Amino acid sequence: MRSGQPPVNGSPDSVAHRPEEDVDPETECGCWRHLATSVAKVISETRTSPFLRDTQQWAADSGLPILVSMKPRTECDALTRMEPCAAEPPRCDGFTLIELMMVTVIVGLLAGLALPEFDAVRQRAYNAAALADLSNANKEIERFFNDNFRYPADDDELIAEGYAHTPGVSFTTFSIRDASNPATTRVHMHINHEASRQYYHFEYPKGYSGTPELRWK
C-alpha cells in the first residue's frame, strides 16, 4: 500500500489503527431503559389482543391450565421475568377458632371414652388387692384356730400372729358371730381398699357364706 493512501475497509491496517469508540454510560443506560419500556408495552398490547383473549377463554372452557402469564411484574421486569424468583418465607398463620373448637371436641370425646375404662381398671386392681388380703386372712384365722381352739376376736390378734395388710387395704368389719354355739360360730369380715368404691363380704368358714361377695359401699 502506498504511503499517504487511506487504508481500505477490512484490511489489517484499518482494524489495527481504528480508534475505540467511547460509550457514554448514561446513554447506554437510557437505551436499556427504552428497550425495557418497549418490551413491556409490546407484552401489554399482546395481553389485550383478541386472539389471546380467545385462546385463554378456549383453554378455560376446555379445562386446560393457562401455563403462561403475559403480565410483567414491573416495567424493567420484562427482560428478567424468566429468571427464578426468590422463595417466599413460609407463612406462620395461627389456628382458626373453628379448628381449635374441633380439636377440643375430639380431645373431649377421646377423654370421655378413655377415662371410664381407666377407672374400671383401677377399680379391678383395688379389688384384687383386697381379695388377696382376704385369702391370706382366712389362712391366718385357720392357723389361729388350730393353735388356740377359738377364732380371733379382732384383726389385731391376726396381726400379732404375723398377718399384714397390703398398703391401703383394711378390715372395716371383723367380728365373731354365734360365739356361744361352736357349731355355728363364724368370723364376719368386710375388707376393702381405701380407694375402691366396693368391698368384699365374707364369713369364715366359707361354708356359711360361700365365696366372697363383692358389694358396693
N, C-alpha and C. Protein backbone atom coordinates (compact mmCIF):
# COMPACT_ATOMS: atom_id res chain seq x y z
N MET A 1 0.86 -1.18 0.00
CA MET A 1 0.00 0.00 0.00
C MET A 1 0.89 1.22 0.00
N ARG A 2 0.55 2.18 -0.85
CA ARG A 2 1.38 3.38 -0.97
C ARG A 2 1.18 4.29 0.22
N SER A 3 2.28 5.04 0.54
CA SER A 3 2.26 5.96 1.66
C SER A 3 1.31 7.10 1.37
N GLY A 4 0.54 7.45 2.40
CA GLY A 4 -0.40 8.57 2.28
C GLY A 4 -1.76 8.16 1.77
N GLN A 5 -1.94 6.90 1.33
CA GLN A 5 -3.22 6.43 0.83
C GLN A 5 -4.04 5.88 2.01
N PRO A 6 -5.27 6.26 2.17
CA PRO A 6 -6.07 5.80 3.32
C PRO A 6 -6.27 4.30 3.28
N PRO A 7 -6.31 3.64 4.43
CA PRO A 7 -6.48 2.18 4.48
C PRO A 7 -7.86 1.78 3.99
N VAL A 8 -7.88 0.63 3.34
CA VAL A 8 -9.12 0.08 2.81
C VAL A 8 -9.87 -0.61 3.94
N ASN A 9 -11.22 -0.50 3.90
CA ASN A 9 -12.04 -1.15 4.94
C ASN A 9 -11.86 -2.66 4.90
N GLY A 10 -11.65 -3.24 6.06
CA GLY A 10 -11.45 -4.68 6.15
C GLY A 10 -10.02 -5.10 6.16
N SER A 11 -9.10 -4.18 5.83
CA SER A 11 -7.68 -4.53 5.83
C SER A 11 -7.16 -4.53 7.25
N PRO A 12 -6.03 -5.20 7.52
CA PRO A 12 -5.47 -5.22 8.88
C PRO A 12 -5.18 -3.85 9.41
N ASP A 13 -4.72 -2.95 8.49
CA ASP A 13 -4.39 -1.61 8.98
C ASP A 13 -5.62 -0.87 9.45
N SER A 14 -6.75 -1.13 8.77
CA SER A 14 -7.96 -0.41 9.17
C SER A 14 -8.45 -0.88 10.52
N VAL A 15 -8.23 -2.18 10.87
CA VAL A 15 -8.66 -2.69 12.16
C VAL A 15 -7.70 -2.30 13.25
N ALA A 16 -6.42 -2.36 12.95
CA ALA A 16 -5.41 -2.10 13.97
C ALA A 16 -5.38 -0.66 14.37
N HIS A 17 -5.58 0.24 13.41
CA HIS A 17 -5.41 1.66 13.70
C HIS A 17 -6.73 2.37 13.93
N ARG A 18 -7.90 1.62 14.00
CA ARG A 18 -9.18 2.27 14.22
C ARG A 18 -9.32 2.58 15.71
N PRO A 19 -9.55 3.80 16.07
CA PRO A 19 -9.66 4.16 17.49
C PRO A 19 -10.96 3.58 18.08
N GLU A 20 -10.88 3.20 19.39
CA GLU A 20 -12.06 2.68 20.08
C GLU A 20 -13.04 3.81 20.33
N GLU A 21 -14.31 3.48 20.16
CA GLU A 21 -15.35 4.48 20.38
C GLU A 21 -15.68 4.55 21.86
N ASP A 22 -15.81 5.75 22.33
CA ASP A 22 -16.19 5.96 23.73
C ASP A 22 -17.70 5.87 23.85
N VAL A 23 -18.16 5.05 24.84
CA VAL A 23 -19.59 4.86 25.05
C VAL A 23 -19.98 5.59 26.32
N ASP A 24 -20.97 6.43 26.20
CA ASP A 24 -21.45 7.19 27.34
C ASP A 24 -22.31 6.27 28.23
N PRO A 25 -21.95 6.07 29.53
CA PRO A 25 -22.75 5.17 30.38
C PRO A 25 -24.20 5.61 30.49
N GLU A 26 -24.45 6.90 30.57
CA GLU A 26 -25.83 7.37 30.69
C GLU A 26 -26.61 7.06 29.43
N THR A 27 -25.95 7.20 28.29
CA THR A 27 -26.63 6.88 27.04
C THR A 27 -26.95 5.39 26.96
N GLU A 28 -26.00 4.52 27.39
CA GLU A 28 -26.24 3.08 27.37
C GLU A 28 -27.37 2.70 28.31
N CYS A 29 -27.41 3.30 29.52
CA CYS A 29 -28.47 3.01 30.48
C CYS A 29 -29.81 3.44 29.93
N GLY A 30 -29.81 4.61 29.24
CA GLY A 30 -31.06 5.08 28.66
C GLY A 30 -31.56 4.16 27.56
N CYS A 31 -30.63 3.58 26.81
CA CYS A 31 -31.04 2.65 25.76
C CYS A 31 -31.69 1.40 26.35
N TRP A 32 -31.11 0.88 27.41
CA TRP A 32 -31.69 -0.30 28.04
C TRP A 32 -33.05 0.02 28.65
N ARG A 33 -33.19 1.19 29.23
CA ARG A 33 -34.48 1.58 29.79
C ARG A 33 -35.53 1.72 28.71
N HIS A 34 -35.11 2.29 27.61
CA HIS A 34 -36.04 2.44 26.49
C HIS A 34 -36.44 1.08 25.94
N LEU A 35 -35.47 0.13 25.89
CA LEU A 35 -35.76 -1.19 25.39
C LEU A 35 -36.74 -1.92 26.33
N ALA A 36 -36.51 -1.80 27.65
CA ALA A 36 -37.41 -2.44 28.62
C ALA A 36 -38.80 -1.88 28.51
N THR A 37 -38.92 -0.56 28.35
CA THR A 37 -40.24 0.06 28.21
C THR A 37 -40.94 -0.43 26.95
N SER A 38 -40.19 -0.56 25.88
CA SER A 38 -40.78 -1.02 24.62
C SER A 38 -41.28 -2.46 24.75
N VAL A 39 -40.47 -3.34 25.38
CA VAL A 39 -40.87 -4.73 25.55
C VAL A 39 -42.11 -4.83 26.44
N ALA A 40 -42.13 -4.05 27.53
CA ALA A 40 -43.30 -4.07 28.40
C ALA A 40 -44.54 -3.61 27.66
N LYS A 41 -44.40 -2.61 26.79
CA LYS A 41 -45.55 -2.12 26.02
C LYS A 41 -46.04 -3.19 25.05
N VAL A 42 -45.10 -3.90 24.42
CA VAL A 42 -45.50 -4.96 23.48
C VAL A 42 -46.24 -6.07 24.23
N ILE A 43 -45.73 -6.45 25.40
CA ILE A 43 -46.39 -7.51 26.17
C ILE A 43 -47.77 -7.07 26.62
N SER A 44 -47.88 -5.80 27.04
CA SER A 44 -49.19 -5.30 27.46
C SER A 44 -50.18 -5.30 26.31
N GLU A 45 -49.73 -4.89 25.09
CA GLU A 45 -50.63 -4.93 23.94
C GLU A 45 -50.99 -6.35 23.56
N THR A 46 -50.05 -7.28 23.76
CA THR A 46 -50.32 -8.68 23.44
C THR A 46 -51.39 -9.25 24.36
N ARG A 47 -51.32 -8.87 25.65
CA ARG A 47 -52.30 -9.36 26.61
C ARG A 47 -53.70 -8.90 26.28
N THR A 48 -53.83 -7.76 25.69
CA THR A 48 -55.16 -7.22 25.37
C THR A 48 -55.61 -7.58 23.96
N SER A 49 -54.85 -8.39 23.26
CA SER A 49 -55.23 -8.73 21.90
C SER A 49 -56.41 -9.69 21.89
N PRO A 50 -57.29 -9.58 20.91
CA PRO A 50 -58.45 -10.50 20.85
C PRO A 50 -58.04 -11.96 20.71
N PHE A 51 -56.94 -12.22 20.00
CA PHE A 51 -56.51 -13.60 19.81
C PHE A 51 -56.14 -14.25 21.14
N LEU A 52 -55.40 -13.48 22.00
CA LEU A 52 -55.00 -14.04 23.28
C LEU A 52 -56.21 -14.25 24.19
N ARG A 53 -57.14 -13.29 24.18
CA ARG A 53 -58.34 -13.46 24.99
C ARG A 53 -59.14 -14.68 24.54
N ASP A 54 -59.25 -14.87 23.21
CA ASP A 54 -59.98 -16.04 22.72
C ASP A 54 -59.27 -17.34 23.11
N THR A 55 -57.92 -17.33 23.07
CA THR A 55 -57.17 -18.53 23.44
C THR A 55 -57.34 -18.86 24.92
N GLN A 56 -57.27 -17.83 25.77
CA GLN A 56 -57.47 -18.06 27.20
C GLN A 56 -58.88 -18.53 27.51
N GLN A 57 -59.85 -17.94 26.82
CA GLN A 57 -61.24 -18.37 27.04
C GLN A 57 -61.44 -19.82 26.61
N TRP A 58 -60.81 -20.18 25.46
CA TRP A 58 -60.92 -21.58 24.99
C TRP A 58 -60.27 -22.55 25.98
N ALA A 59 -59.11 -22.15 26.52
CA ALA A 59 -58.43 -23.02 27.49
C ALA A 59 -59.27 -23.17 28.76
N ALA A 60 -59.88 -22.07 29.21
CA ALA A 60 -60.72 -22.14 30.41
C ALA A 60 -61.94 -23.01 30.18
N ASP A 61 -62.58 -22.88 29.00
CA ASP A 61 -63.75 -23.70 28.69
C ASP A 61 -63.39 -25.18 28.55
N SER A 62 -62.17 -25.46 28.10
CA SER A 62 -61.74 -26.85 27.91
C SER A 62 -61.17 -27.46 29.17
N GLY A 63 -61.04 -26.68 30.23
CA GLY A 63 -60.47 -27.20 31.47
C GLY A 63 -58.98 -27.33 31.45
N LEU A 64 -58.31 -26.62 30.53
CA LEU A 64 -56.84 -26.70 30.44
C LEU A 64 -56.23 -25.57 31.25
N PRO A 65 -55.10 -25.86 31.92
CA PRO A 65 -54.45 -24.78 32.68
C PRO A 65 -53.75 -23.79 31.76
N ILE A 66 -53.78 -22.52 32.14
CA ILE A 66 -53.08 -21.47 31.39
C ILE A 66 -51.68 -21.38 31.98
N LEU A 67 -50.71 -21.86 31.23
CA LEU A 67 -49.35 -22.01 31.77
C LEU A 67 -48.55 -20.72 31.70
N VAL A 68 -48.89 -19.80 30.83
CA VAL A 68 -48.07 -18.62 30.61
C VAL A 68 -48.87 -17.40 30.99
N SER A 69 -48.30 -16.56 31.81
CA SER A 69 -48.90 -15.28 32.16
C SER A 69 -48.10 -14.18 31.48
N MET A 70 -48.78 -13.32 30.74
CA MET A 70 -48.10 -12.29 29.96
C MET A 70 -47.99 -10.98 30.72
N LYS A 71 -48.29 -10.98 32.00
CA LYS A 71 -48.25 -9.74 32.76
C LYS A 71 -46.90 -9.61 33.47
N PRO A 72 -46.09 -8.62 33.11
CA PRO A 72 -44.81 -8.43 33.79
C PRO A 72 -45.04 -7.82 35.17
N ARG A 73 -44.11 -8.14 36.07
CA ARG A 73 -44.26 -7.61 37.41
C ARG A 73 -43.96 -6.11 37.44
N THR A 74 -42.90 -5.68 36.74
CA THR A 74 -42.55 -4.26 36.67
C THR A 74 -42.17 -3.94 35.24
N GLU A 75 -41.87 -2.67 35.03
CA GLU A 75 -41.52 -2.25 33.67
C GLU A 75 -40.21 -2.86 33.24
N CYS A 76 -39.23 -2.87 34.13
CA CYS A 76 -37.93 -3.44 33.78
C CYS A 76 -37.91 -4.96 33.94
N ASP A 77 -38.96 -5.53 34.54
CA ASP A 77 -39.00 -6.97 34.73
C ASP A 77 -39.28 -7.70 33.42
N ALA A 78 -39.60 -6.96 32.35
CA ALA A 78 -39.87 -7.59 31.06
C ALA A 78 -38.65 -8.32 30.53
N LEU A 79 -37.45 -7.88 30.93
CA LEU A 79 -36.23 -8.51 30.46
C LEU A 79 -35.76 -9.63 31.40
N THR A 80 -36.18 -9.60 32.63
CA THR A 80 -35.67 -10.56 33.61
C THR A 80 -36.77 -11.47 34.15
N ARG A 81 -37.96 -11.50 33.56
CA ARG A 81 -39.07 -12.27 34.11
C ARG A 81 -38.86 -13.76 33.98
N MET A 82 -37.90 -14.22 33.18
CA MET A 82 -37.63 -15.65 33.07
C MET A 82 -36.67 -16.14 34.13
N GLU A 83 -36.10 -15.22 34.92
CA GLU A 83 -35.18 -15.63 35.97
C GLU A 83 -35.98 -16.17 37.15
N PRO A 84 -35.42 -17.14 37.90
CA PRO A 84 -36.15 -17.69 39.05
C PRO A 84 -36.30 -16.65 40.14
N CYS A 85 -37.47 -16.63 40.76
CA CYS A 85 -37.74 -15.67 41.82
C CYS A 85 -37.30 -16.26 43.16
N ALA A 86 -36.99 -15.39 44.08
CA ALA A 86 -36.59 -15.83 45.41
C ALA A 86 -37.79 -16.47 46.12
N ALA A 87 -37.50 -17.54 46.84
CA ALA A 87 -38.58 -18.25 47.53
C ALA A 87 -39.16 -17.38 48.64
N GLU A 88 -40.48 -17.35 48.73
CA GLU A 88 -41.13 -16.59 49.77
C GLU A 88 -40.98 -17.30 51.11
N PRO A 89 -40.85 -16.54 52.19
CA PRO A 89 -40.73 -17.19 53.51
C PRO A 89 -42.02 -17.92 53.86
N PRO A 90 -41.92 -19.03 54.58
CA PRO A 90 -43.13 -19.79 54.94
C PRO A 90 -44.06 -18.96 55.81
N ARG A 91 -45.36 -19.14 55.58
CA ARG A 91 -46.35 -18.42 56.36
C ARG A 91 -46.50 -19.05 57.73
N CYS A 92 -46.63 -18.23 58.72
CA CYS A 92 -46.77 -18.70 60.10
C CYS A 92 -48.14 -18.29 60.64
N ASP A 93 -49.16 -18.70 59.94
CA ASP A 93 -50.51 -18.36 60.37
C ASP A 93 -50.90 -19.21 61.57
N GLY A 94 -51.73 -18.66 62.45
CA GLY A 94 -52.21 -19.39 63.60
C GLY A 94 -53.43 -20.23 63.27
N PHE A 95 -53.97 -20.89 64.28
CA PHE A 95 -55.16 -21.71 64.09
C PHE A 95 -56.40 -20.83 64.13
N THR A 96 -57.38 -21.24 63.38
CA THR A 96 -58.65 -20.53 63.40
C THR A 96 -59.48 -21.02 64.58
N LEU A 97 -60.54 -20.27 64.89
CA LEU A 97 -61.39 -20.64 66.02
C LEU A 97 -62.10 -21.97 65.76
N ILE A 98 -62.50 -22.21 64.53
CA ILE A 98 -63.18 -23.46 64.21
C ILE A 98 -62.23 -24.65 64.39
N GLU A 99 -60.97 -24.49 63.97
CA GLU A 99 -60.00 -25.58 64.15
C GLU A 99 -59.77 -25.89 65.62
N LEU A 100 -59.66 -24.83 66.45
CA LEU A 100 -59.47 -25.06 67.88
C LEU A 100 -60.68 -25.74 68.50
N MET A 101 -61.87 -25.35 68.07
CA MET A 101 -63.08 -25.98 68.60
C MET A 101 -63.15 -27.45 68.20
N MET A 102 -62.77 -27.76 66.96
CA MET A 102 -62.80 -29.16 66.51
C MET A 102 -61.81 -29.99 67.31
N VAL A 103 -60.60 -29.47 67.56
CA VAL A 103 -59.61 -30.20 68.34
C VAL A 103 -60.10 -30.42 69.76
N THR A 104 -60.74 -29.39 70.34
CA THR A 104 -61.25 -29.51 71.70
C THR A 104 -62.33 -30.59 71.79
N VAL A 105 -63.21 -30.61 70.80
CA VAL A 105 -64.28 -31.62 70.79
C VAL A 105 -63.70 -33.03 70.65
N ILE A 106 -62.72 -33.20 69.78
CA ILE A 106 -62.12 -34.52 69.58
C ILE A 106 -61.41 -34.99 70.85
N VAL A 107 -60.66 -34.09 71.49
CA VAL A 107 -59.96 -34.47 72.73
C VAL A 107 -60.98 -34.82 73.81
N GLY A 108 -62.08 -34.06 73.87
CA GLY A 108 -63.11 -34.37 74.86
C GLY A 108 -63.75 -35.73 74.63
N LEU A 109 -64.01 -36.08 73.37
CA LEU A 109 -64.59 -37.39 73.07
C LEU A 109 -63.63 -38.52 73.45
N LEU A 110 -62.35 -38.35 73.11
CA LEU A 110 -61.38 -39.38 73.45
C LEU A 110 -61.24 -39.54 74.97
N ALA A 111 -61.24 -38.40 75.67
CA ALA A 111 -61.15 -38.48 77.13
C ALA A 111 -62.39 -39.15 77.72
N GLY A 112 -63.58 -38.84 77.15
CA GLY A 112 -64.80 -39.46 77.64
C GLY A 112 -64.82 -40.97 77.43
N LEU A 113 -64.15 -41.45 76.38
CA LEU A 113 -64.09 -42.89 76.15
C LEU A 113 -63.01 -43.57 76.98
N ALA A 114 -61.91 -42.87 77.23
CA ALA A 114 -60.76 -43.49 77.90
C ALA A 114 -60.88 -43.47 79.42
N LEU A 115 -61.41 -42.39 79.99
CA LEU A 115 -61.42 -42.26 81.45
C LEU A 115 -62.27 -43.33 82.13
N PRO A 116 -63.48 -43.66 81.65
CA PRO A 116 -64.22 -44.74 82.33
C PRO A 116 -63.49 -46.08 82.31
N GLU A 117 -62.85 -46.40 81.20
CA GLU A 117 -62.10 -47.65 81.14
C GLU A 117 -60.91 -47.63 82.09
N PHE A 118 -60.23 -46.49 82.16
CA PHE A 118 -59.11 -46.37 83.09
C PHE A 118 -59.58 -46.52 84.53
N ASP A 119 -60.72 -45.93 84.86
CA ASP A 119 -61.25 -46.04 86.22
C ASP A 119 -61.64 -47.48 86.53
N ALA A 120 -62.19 -48.18 85.54
CA ALA A 120 -62.56 -49.59 85.76
C ALA A 120 -61.33 -50.45 86.01
N VAL A 121 -60.24 -50.17 85.32
CA VAL A 121 -59.00 -50.92 85.53
C VAL A 121 -58.47 -50.69 86.94
N ARG A 122 -58.49 -49.45 87.38
CA ARG A 122 -58.04 -49.17 88.76
C ARG A 122 -58.93 -49.86 89.78
N GLN A 123 -60.24 -49.86 89.53
CA GLN A 123 -61.18 -50.50 90.45
C GLN A 123 -60.88 -51.99 90.57
N ARG A 124 -60.62 -52.64 89.45
CA ARG A 124 -60.29 -54.07 89.49
C ARG A 124 -58.99 -54.32 90.24
N ALA A 125 -58.03 -53.43 90.08
CA ALA A 125 -56.76 -53.60 90.79
C ALA A 125 -56.95 -53.46 92.30
N TYR A 126 -57.75 -52.48 92.73
CA TYR A 126 -58.02 -52.32 94.17
C TYR A 126 -58.74 -53.56 94.74
N ASN A 127 -59.73 -54.05 94.00
CA ASN A 127 -60.47 -55.21 94.47
C ASN A 127 -59.59 -56.46 94.52
N ALA A 128 -58.68 -56.58 93.56
CA ALA A 128 -57.78 -57.73 93.56
C ALA A 128 -56.87 -57.71 94.79
N ALA A 129 -56.41 -56.52 95.18
CA ALA A 129 -55.57 -56.42 96.38
C ALA A 129 -56.36 -56.80 97.63
N ALA A 130 -57.62 -56.33 97.72
CA ALA A 130 -58.44 -56.67 98.89
C ALA A 130 -58.74 -58.17 98.93
N LEU A 131 -59.01 -58.78 97.77
CA LEU A 131 -59.31 -60.21 97.74
C LEU A 131 -58.08 -61.03 98.12
N ALA A 132 -56.90 -60.61 97.72
CA ALA A 132 -55.69 -61.33 98.11
C ALA A 132 -55.47 -61.25 99.62
N ASP A 133 -55.73 -60.09 100.23
CA ASP A 133 -55.59 -59.96 101.69
C ASP A 133 -56.62 -60.82 102.42
N LEU A 134 -57.84 -60.90 101.84
CA LEU A 134 -58.86 -61.74 102.47
C LEU A 134 -58.45 -63.21 102.44
N SER A 135 -57.86 -63.65 101.37
CA SER A 135 -57.40 -65.04 101.29
C SER A 135 -56.31 -65.31 102.33
N ASN A 136 -55.39 -64.35 102.48
CA ASN A 136 -54.34 -64.53 103.50
C ASN A 136 -54.93 -64.51 104.90
N ALA A 137 -55.94 -63.67 105.13
CA ALA A 137 -56.57 -63.61 106.45
C ALA A 137 -57.26 -64.93 106.79
N ASN A 138 -57.89 -65.56 105.81
CA ASN A 138 -58.54 -66.86 106.07
C ASN A 138 -57.51 -67.90 106.50
N LYS A 139 -56.35 -67.89 105.88
CA LYS A 139 -55.30 -68.85 106.26
C LYS A 139 -54.81 -68.57 107.68
N GLU A 140 -54.69 -67.29 108.04
CA GLU A 140 -54.23 -66.96 109.39
C GLU A 140 -55.30 -67.31 110.42
N ILE A 141 -56.58 -67.13 110.07
CA ILE A 141 -57.66 -67.49 111.00
C ILE A 141 -57.64 -69.00 111.25
N GLU A 142 -57.46 -69.76 110.19
CA GLU A 142 -57.41 -71.23 110.34
C GLU A 142 -56.22 -71.63 111.19
N ARG A 143 -55.06 -71.00 111.00
CA ARG A 143 -53.88 -71.33 111.82
C ARG A 143 -54.11 -70.92 113.27
N PHE A 144 -54.75 -69.76 113.45
CA PHE A 144 -55.04 -69.30 114.82
C PHE A 144 -56.00 -70.24 115.53
N PHE A 145 -57.00 -70.74 114.80
CA PHE A 145 -57.96 -71.66 115.41
C PHE A 145 -57.29 -72.98 115.78
N ASN A 146 -56.38 -73.47 114.96
CA ASN A 146 -55.68 -74.72 115.26
C ASN A 146 -54.76 -74.58 116.47
N ASP A 147 -54.23 -73.38 116.69
CA ASP A 147 -53.32 -73.17 117.82
C ASP A 147 -54.07 -72.83 119.11
N ASN A 148 -55.21 -72.14 119.03
CA ASN A 148 -55.88 -71.62 120.22
C ASN A 148 -57.28 -72.20 120.42
N PHE A 149 -57.76 -73.00 119.48
CA PHE A 149 -59.08 -73.63 119.56
C PHE A 149 -60.20 -72.59 119.68
N ARG A 150 -59.99 -71.46 119.11
CA ARG A 150 -61.00 -70.40 119.03
C ARG A 150 -60.64 -69.47 117.88
N TYR A 151 -61.60 -68.64 117.52
CA TYR A 151 -61.35 -67.66 116.46
C TYR A 151 -60.83 -66.36 117.07
N PRO A 152 -60.04 -65.62 116.33
CA PRO A 152 -59.55 -64.33 116.85
C PRO A 152 -60.71 -63.34 117.03
N ALA A 153 -60.66 -62.60 118.13
CA ALA A 153 -61.74 -61.66 118.42
C ALA A 153 -61.71 -60.45 117.49
N ASP A 154 -60.55 -60.07 117.02
CA ASP A 154 -60.43 -58.94 116.09
C ASP A 154 -59.20 -59.13 115.22
N ASP A 155 -59.00 -58.20 114.31
CA ASP A 155 -57.86 -58.35 113.39
C ASP A 155 -56.54 -58.04 114.06
N ASP A 156 -56.57 -57.42 115.25
CA ASP A 156 -55.31 -57.17 115.96
C ASP A 156 -54.65 -58.47 116.37
N GLU A 157 -55.46 -59.47 116.74
CA GLU A 157 -54.89 -60.77 117.10
C GLU A 157 -54.28 -61.45 115.88
N LEU A 158 -54.86 -61.23 114.70
CA LEU A 158 -54.25 -61.77 113.48
C LEU A 158 -52.92 -61.09 113.19
N ILE A 159 -52.88 -59.78 113.36
CA ILE A 159 -51.64 -59.03 113.11
C ILE A 159 -50.55 -59.47 114.09
N ALA A 160 -50.96 -59.77 115.33
CA ALA A 160 -49.99 -60.23 116.31
C ALA A 160 -49.41 -61.60 115.94
N GLU A 161 -50.18 -62.38 115.18
CA GLU A 161 -49.71 -63.69 114.75
C GLU A 161 -48.86 -63.61 113.47
N GLY A 162 -48.73 -62.42 112.90
CA GLY A 162 -47.89 -62.27 111.72
C GLY A 162 -48.61 -61.85 110.45
N TYR A 163 -49.93 -61.67 110.54
CA TYR A 163 -50.69 -61.23 109.36
C TYR A 163 -50.41 -59.75 109.10
N ALA A 164 -50.28 -59.40 107.82
CA ALA A 164 -50.02 -57.99 107.45
C ALA A 164 -50.91 -57.61 106.27
N HIS A 165 -51.45 -56.40 106.34
CA HIS A 165 -52.29 -55.89 105.25
C HIS A 165 -51.43 -55.33 104.12
N THR A 166 -51.97 -55.38 102.93
CA THR A 166 -51.39 -54.64 101.81
C THR A 166 -51.66 -53.16 102.04
N PRO A 167 -50.72 -52.27 101.72
CA PRO A 167 -50.98 -50.83 101.92
C PRO A 167 -52.27 -50.40 101.25
N GLY A 168 -53.14 -49.74 102.02
CA GLY A 168 -54.42 -49.27 101.52
C GLY A 168 -55.57 -50.22 101.79
N VAL A 169 -55.30 -51.46 102.20
CA VAL A 169 -56.34 -52.46 102.45
C VAL A 169 -56.51 -52.62 103.96
N SER A 170 -57.75 -52.72 104.39
CA SER A 170 -58.03 -52.89 105.82
C SER A 170 -59.39 -53.54 106.00
N PHE A 171 -59.61 -54.07 107.21
CA PHE A 171 -60.92 -54.60 107.57
C PHE A 171 -61.80 -53.45 108.06
N THR A 172 -63.00 -53.37 107.54
CA THR A 172 -63.99 -52.43 108.08
C THR A 172 -64.91 -53.12 109.08
N THR A 173 -64.99 -54.43 108.99
CA THR A 173 -65.77 -55.23 109.95
C THR A 173 -65.01 -56.52 110.22
N PHE A 174 -64.85 -56.83 111.50
CA PHE A 174 -64.22 -58.10 111.91
C PHE A 174 -64.84 -58.47 113.25
N SER A 175 -65.75 -59.42 113.22
CA SER A 175 -66.47 -59.78 114.44
C SER A 175 -66.76 -61.27 114.45
N ILE A 176 -67.08 -61.78 115.66
CA ILE A 176 -67.41 -63.18 115.85
C ILE A 176 -68.93 -63.29 116.00
N ARG A 177 -69.53 -64.16 115.22
CA ARG A 177 -70.97 -64.40 115.30
C ARG A 177 -71.23 -65.80 115.89
N ASP A 178 -72.32 -65.87 116.69
CA ASP A 178 -72.71 -67.12 117.35
C ASP A 178 -71.55 -67.72 118.14
N ALA A 179 -70.93 -66.90 118.95
CA ALA A 179 -69.78 -67.40 119.72
C ALA A 179 -70.20 -68.44 120.74
N SER A 180 -71.47 -68.40 121.16
CA SER A 180 -71.93 -69.37 122.17
C SER A 180 -72.20 -70.75 121.58
N ASN A 181 -72.32 -70.84 120.30
CA ASN A 181 -72.59 -72.13 119.66
C ASN A 181 -71.41 -72.50 118.78
N PRO A 182 -70.57 -73.40 119.22
CA PRO A 182 -69.39 -73.75 118.42
C PRO A 182 -69.73 -74.30 117.05
N ALA A 183 -70.89 -74.84 116.89
CA ALA A 183 -71.24 -75.43 115.59
C ALA A 183 -71.52 -74.35 114.54
N THR A 184 -71.96 -73.19 114.99
CA THR A 184 -72.29 -72.11 114.04
C THR A 184 -71.42 -70.88 114.21
N THR A 185 -70.42 -70.96 115.05
CA THR A 185 -69.53 -69.81 115.25
C THR A 185 -68.78 -69.51 113.96
N ARG A 186 -68.72 -68.24 113.63
CA ARG A 186 -68.05 -67.84 112.39
C ARG A 186 -67.50 -66.43 112.53
N VAL A 187 -66.54 -66.11 111.67
CA VAL A 187 -65.93 -64.78 111.65
C VAL A 187 -66.56 -63.98 110.51
N HIS A 188 -67.16 -62.85 110.88
CA HIS A 188 -67.80 -61.98 109.89
C HIS A 188 -66.81 -60.86 109.52
N MET A 189 -66.51 -60.75 108.20
CA MET A 189 -65.48 -59.79 107.76
C MET A 189 -65.97 -58.96 106.58
N HIS A 190 -65.59 -57.68 106.62
CA HIS A 190 -65.69 -56.78 105.46
C HIS A 190 -64.29 -56.21 105.24
N ILE A 191 -63.79 -56.35 104.03
CA ILE A 191 -62.45 -55.87 103.72
C ILE A 191 -62.48 -55.12 102.39
N ASN A 192 -61.72 -54.05 102.31
CA ASN A 192 -61.70 -53.27 101.06
C ASN A 192 -60.44 -52.43 100.98
N HIS A 193 -60.21 -51.91 99.79
CA HIS A 193 -59.13 -50.93 99.57
C HIS A 193 -59.72 -49.54 99.77
N GLU A 194 -58.96 -48.68 100.41
CA GLU A 194 -59.48 -47.35 100.74
C GLU A 194 -59.84 -46.52 99.51
N ALA A 195 -59.23 -46.79 98.35
CA ALA A 195 -59.53 -46.03 97.14
C ALA A 195 -60.64 -46.68 96.30
N SER A 196 -61.12 -47.84 96.73
CA SER A 196 -62.14 -48.54 95.97
C SER A 196 -63.54 -48.13 96.42
N ARG A 197 -64.50 -48.27 95.51
CA ARG A 197 -65.90 -47.98 95.85
C ARG A 197 -66.67 -49.26 96.19
N GLN A 198 -65.95 -50.38 96.32
CA GLN A 198 -66.56 -51.65 96.63
C GLN A 198 -65.81 -52.33 97.79
N TYR A 199 -66.44 -53.33 98.39
CA TYR A 199 -65.79 -54.10 99.45
C TYR A 199 -66.23 -55.55 99.33
N TYR A 200 -65.47 -56.43 99.97
CA TYR A 200 -65.79 -57.85 99.99
C TYR A 200 -66.41 -58.23 101.33
N HIS A 201 -67.52 -58.95 101.24
CA HIS A 201 -68.19 -59.50 102.42
C HIS A 201 -67.90 -61.01 102.45
N PHE A 202 -67.46 -61.47 103.65
CA PHE A 202 -67.12 -62.90 103.76
C PHE A 202 -67.27 -63.34 105.21
N GLU A 203 -67.64 -64.62 105.38
CA GLU A 203 -67.72 -65.23 106.70
C GLU A 203 -66.93 -66.54 106.69
N TYR A 204 -66.06 -66.64 107.68
CA TYR A 204 -65.24 -67.86 107.80
C TYR A 204 -65.83 -68.76 108.88
N PRO A 205 -65.93 -70.07 108.69
CA PRO A 205 -65.54 -70.82 107.49
C PRO A 205 -66.48 -70.55 106.31
N LYS A 206 -65.93 -70.73 105.13
CA LYS A 206 -66.62 -70.29 103.92
C LYS A 206 -67.90 -71.06 103.63
N GLY A 207 -68.14 -72.18 104.36
CA GLY A 207 -69.36 -72.92 104.13
C GLY A 207 -70.61 -72.15 104.48
N TYR A 208 -70.47 -71.10 105.32
CA TYR A 208 -71.65 -70.35 105.76
C TYR A 208 -72.06 -69.28 104.74
N SER A 209 -71.12 -68.80 103.97
CA SER A 209 -71.47 -67.73 103.02
C SER A 209 -70.98 -67.99 101.61
N GLY A 210 -70.31 -69.11 101.39
CA GLY A 210 -69.83 -69.41 100.05
C GLY A 210 -68.61 -68.57 99.71
N THR A 211 -68.54 -68.17 98.47
CA THR A 211 -67.39 -67.37 98.04
C THR A 211 -67.54 -65.92 98.49
N PRO A 212 -66.47 -65.16 98.55
CA PRO A 212 -66.58 -63.75 98.93
C PRO A 212 -67.53 -63.00 98.02
N GLU A 213 -68.35 -62.17 98.62
CA GLU A 213 -69.35 -61.41 97.89
C GLU A 213 -68.87 -59.96 97.74
N LEU A 214 -68.87 -59.48 96.50
CA LEU A 214 -68.43 -58.11 96.24
C LEU A 214 -69.64 -57.19 96.32
N ARG A 215 -69.57 -56.17 97.15
CA ARG A 215 -70.67 -55.25 97.36
C ARG A 215 -70.20 -53.80 97.16
N TRP A 216 -71.15 -52.93 96.89
CA TRP A 216 -70.87 -51.51 96.77
C TRP A 216 -70.96 -50.85 98.14
N LYS A 217 -70.12 -49.87 98.33
CA LYS A 217 -70.14 -49.14 99.60
C LYS A 217 -71.40 -48.28 99.71
